[in-house]
Amino acid sequence: MIAKIFDVFFLLFLFVAHRLIRCATSSLGQELVARHGTTQDRKAPGMSWVPWIMIGGIRDKEAERHLIRQLCSRYLKPRPSECKMYGFEPTEDI
C-alpha cells in the first residue's frame, strides 16, 4: 500500500518537474525571469543574494537569518503560540 502511494506521488512529482523545466527553458519562462529581475532591481537595488527579506518596504537583515524569531520579536502583535519556542510569550487570545 505504501509503495503504491509512493509511486503515485513520485509520478506526480515527475509530471510537475517536467512542466517546470519546460516552462523555465521556454521563451515565456525567460520573459518571466526577466520581469522578476526588473521588479527586484526596482524594489531592492543592489540585492546580491537571497533570501532578501523586506518587511513594510524595508530590508530586514536579521529576518534573513532568523525569520520567525524576528517576526515574533518585532512584527507579530499579538504574538501567536508558535512564538513560545523562540522565548516569546504568546499574547494572542486562544
C-alpha atoms as a PDB file:
ATOM      1  CA  MET A   1       0.000   0.000   0.000  1.00  0.00           C
ATOM      2  CA  ILE A   2       2.742   2.472   0.967  1.00  0.00           C
ATOM      3  CA  ALA A   3       4.706   1.537  -2.151  1.00  0.00           C
ATOM      4  CA  LYS A   4       1.654   2.295  -4.298  1.00  0.00           C
ATOM      5  CA  ILE A   5       1.193   5.704  -2.650  1.00  0.00           C
ATOM      6  CA  PHE A   6       4.891   6.433  -3.145  1.00  0.00           C
ATOM      7  CA  ASP A   7       4.632   5.501  -6.824  1.00  0.00           C
ATOM      8  CA  VAL A   8       1.690   7.854  -7.334  1.00  0.00           C
ATOM      9  CA  PHE A   9       3.454  10.765  -5.623  1.00  0.00           C
ATOM     10  CA  PHE A  10       6.677  10.075  -7.495  1.00  0.00           C
ATOM     11  CA  LEU A  11       4.851  10.121 -10.838  1.00  0.00           C
ATOM     12  CA  LEU A  12       3.123  13.354  -9.839  1.00  0.00           C
ATOM     13  CA  PHE A  13       6.495  14.849  -8.902  1.00  0.00           C
ATOM     14  CA  LEU A  14       7.960  13.865 -12.273  1.00  0.00           C
ATOM     15  CA  PHE A  15       4.979  15.403 -14.070  1.00  0.00           C
ATOM     16  CA  VAL A  16       5.284  18.685 -12.183  1.00  0.00           C
ATOM     17  CA  ALA A  17       9.078  18.759 -12.523  1.00  0.00           C
ATOM     18  CA  HIS A  18       8.801  18.208 -16.277  1.00  0.00           C
ATOM     19  CA  ARG A  19       6.321  21.083 -16.609  1.00  0.00           C
ATOM     20  CA  LEU A  20       8.537  23.392 -14.516  1.00  0.00           C
ATOM     21  CA  ILE A  21      11.603  22.588 -16.603  1.00  0.00           C
ATOM     22  CA  ARG A  22       9.659  23.050 -19.822  1.00  0.00           C
ATOM     23  CA  CYS A  23       8.416  26.457 -18.628  1.00  0.00           C
ATOM     24  CA  ALA A  24      11.837  27.549 -17.345  1.00  0.00           C
ATOM     25  CA  THR A  25      13.505  26.767 -20.661  1.00  0.00           C
ATOM     26  CA  SER A  26      10.789  28.352 -22.801  1.00  0.00           C
ATOM     27  CA  SER A  27      10.625  31.928 -24.051  1.00  0.00           C
ATOM     28  CA  LEU A  28       7.794  32.563 -21.565  1.00  0.00           C
ATOM     29  CA  GLY A  29       9.977  31.329 -18.694  1.00  0.00           C
ATOM     30  CA  GLN A  30      12.824  33.584 -19.781  1.00  0.00           C
ATOM     31  CA  GLU A  31      10.428  36.541 -20.022  1.00  0.00           C
ATOM     32  CA  LEU A  32       9.081  35.862 -16.506  1.00  0.00           C
ATOM     33  CA  VAL A  33      12.605  35.703 -15.063  1.00  0.00           C
ATOM     34  CA  ALA A  34      13.493  38.971 -16.810  1.00  0.00           C
ATOM     35  CA  ARG A  35      10.364  40.665 -15.433  1.00  0.00           C
ATOM     36  CA  HIS A  36      11.174  39.398 -11.952  1.00  0.00           C
ATOM     37  CA  GLY A  37      14.697  40.793 -12.263  1.00  0.00           C
ATOM     38  CA  THR A  38      13.356  44.198 -13.304  1.00  0.00           C
ATOM     39  CA  THR A  39      10.954  44.268 -10.356  1.00  0.00           C
ATOM     40  CA  GLN A  40      13.704  43.102  -7.998  1.00  0.00           C
ATOM     41  CA  ASP A  41      16.074  45.856  -9.174  1.00  0.00           C
ATOM     42  CA  ARG A  42      13.359  48.456  -8.621  1.00  0.00           C
ATOM     43  CA  LYS A  43      12.369  47.255  -5.147  1.00  0.00           C
ATOM     44  CA  ALA A  44      15.769  46.209  -3.824  1.00  0.00           C
ATOM     45  CA  PRO A  45      18.590  47.806  -5.810  1.00  0.00           C
ATOM     46  CA  GLY A  46      21.909  46.211  -5.063  1.00  0.00           C
ATOM     47  CA  MET A  47      20.410  42.917  -3.957  1.00  0.00           C
ATOM     48  CA  SER A  48      23.190  40.379  -4.228  1.00  0.00           C
ATOM     49  CA  TRP A  49      21.776  37.226  -2.637  1.00  0.00           C
ATOM     50  CA  VAL A  50      18.614  35.530  -1.439  1.00  0.00           C
ATOM     51  CA  PRO A  51      16.723  35.374   0.769  1.00  0.00           C
ATOM     52  CA  TRP A  52      16.438  39.148   0.687  1.00  0.00           C
ATOM     53  CA  ILE A  53      13.565  39.876   3.034  1.00  0.00           C
ATOM     54  CA  MET A  54      11.737  43.171   3.031  1.00  0.00           C
ATOM     55  CA  ILE A  55       9.004  43.907   5.561  1.00  0.00           C
ATOM     56  CA  GLY A  56       6.977  47.037   5.011  1.00  0.00           C
ATOM     57  CA  GLY A  57       9.274  48.002   2.126  1.00  0.00           C
ATOM     58  CA  ILE A  58      12.401  47.962   4.298  1.00  0.00           C
ATOM     59  CA  ARG A  59      15.102  45.282   4.201  1.00  0.00           C
ATOM     60  CA  ASP A  60      15.379  43.363   7.466  1.00  0.00           C
ATOM     61  CA  LYS A  61      18.807  41.684   7.554  1.00  0.00           C
ATOM     62  CA  GLU A  62      18.068  39.892  10.825  1.00  0.00           C
ATOM     63  CA  ALA A  63      14.929  38.347   9.307  1.00  0.00           C
ATOM     64  CA  GLU A  64      17.089  36.886   6.541  1.00  0.00           C
ATOM     65  CA  ARG A  65      18.814  34.715   9.127  1.00  0.00           C
ATOM     66  CA  HIS A  66      16.133  34.275  11.795  1.00  0.00           C
ATOM     67  CA  LEU A  67      12.765  34.990  10.193  1.00  0.00           C
ATOM     68  CA  ILE A  68      10.426  33.511  12.791  1.00  0.00           C
ATOM     69  CA  ARG A  69      12.364  34.961  15.728  1.00  0.00           C
ATOM     70  CA  GLN A  70      12.331  38.405  14.104  1.00  0.00           C
ATOM     71  CA  LEU A  71       8.624  38.182  13.306  1.00  0.00           C
ATOM     72  CA  CYS A  72       7.859  37.220  16.901  1.00  0.00           C
ATOM     73  CA  SER A  73      10.036  39.930  18.429  1.00  0.00           C
ATOM     74  CA  ARG A  74       9.133  42.874  16.190  1.00  0.00           C
ATOM     75  CA  TYR A  75       6.162  42.348  13.918  1.00  0.00           C
ATOM     76  CA  LEU A  76       3.523  39.903  15.178  1.00  0.00           C
ATOM     77  CA  LYS A  77       1.181  41.665  17.544  1.00  0.00           C
ATOM     78  CA  PRO A  78      -0.486  39.852  19.180  1.00  0.00           C
ATOM     79  CA  ARG A  79       2.060  37.033  19.226  1.00  0.00           C
ATOM     80  CA  PRO A  80       0.823  33.576  18.181  1.00  0.00           C
ATOM     81  CA  SER A  81       1.579  30.495  20.282  1.00  0.00           C
ATOM     82  CA  GLU A  82       4.330  29.434  17.830  1.00  0.00           C
ATOM     83  CA  CYS A  83       6.470  32.272  19.192  1.00  0.00           C
ATOM     84  CA  LYS A  84       6.875  30.460  22.518  1.00  0.00           C
ATOM     85  CA  MET A  85       9.556  28.154  21.076  1.00  0.00           C
ATOM     86  CA  TYR A  86      11.676  31.278  20.465  1.00  0.00           C
ATOM     87  CA  GLY A  87      11.327  32.517  24.037  1.00  0.00           C
ATOM     88  CA  PHE A  88       8.495  34.969  23.442  1.00  0.00           C
ATOM     89  CA  GLU A  89       5.325  34.533  25.434  1.00  0.00           C
ATOM     90  CA  PRO A  90       2.209  34.309  23.287  1.00  0.00           C
ATOM     91  CA  THR A  91      -0.139  37.267  23.617  1.00  0.00           C
ATOM     92  CA  GLU A  92      -2.958  36.069  21.376  1.00  0.00           C
ATOM     93  CA  ASP A  93      -6.330  35.136  22.805  1.00  0.00           C
ATOM     94  CA  ILE A  94      -6.945  31.415  22.416  1.00  0.00           C
END
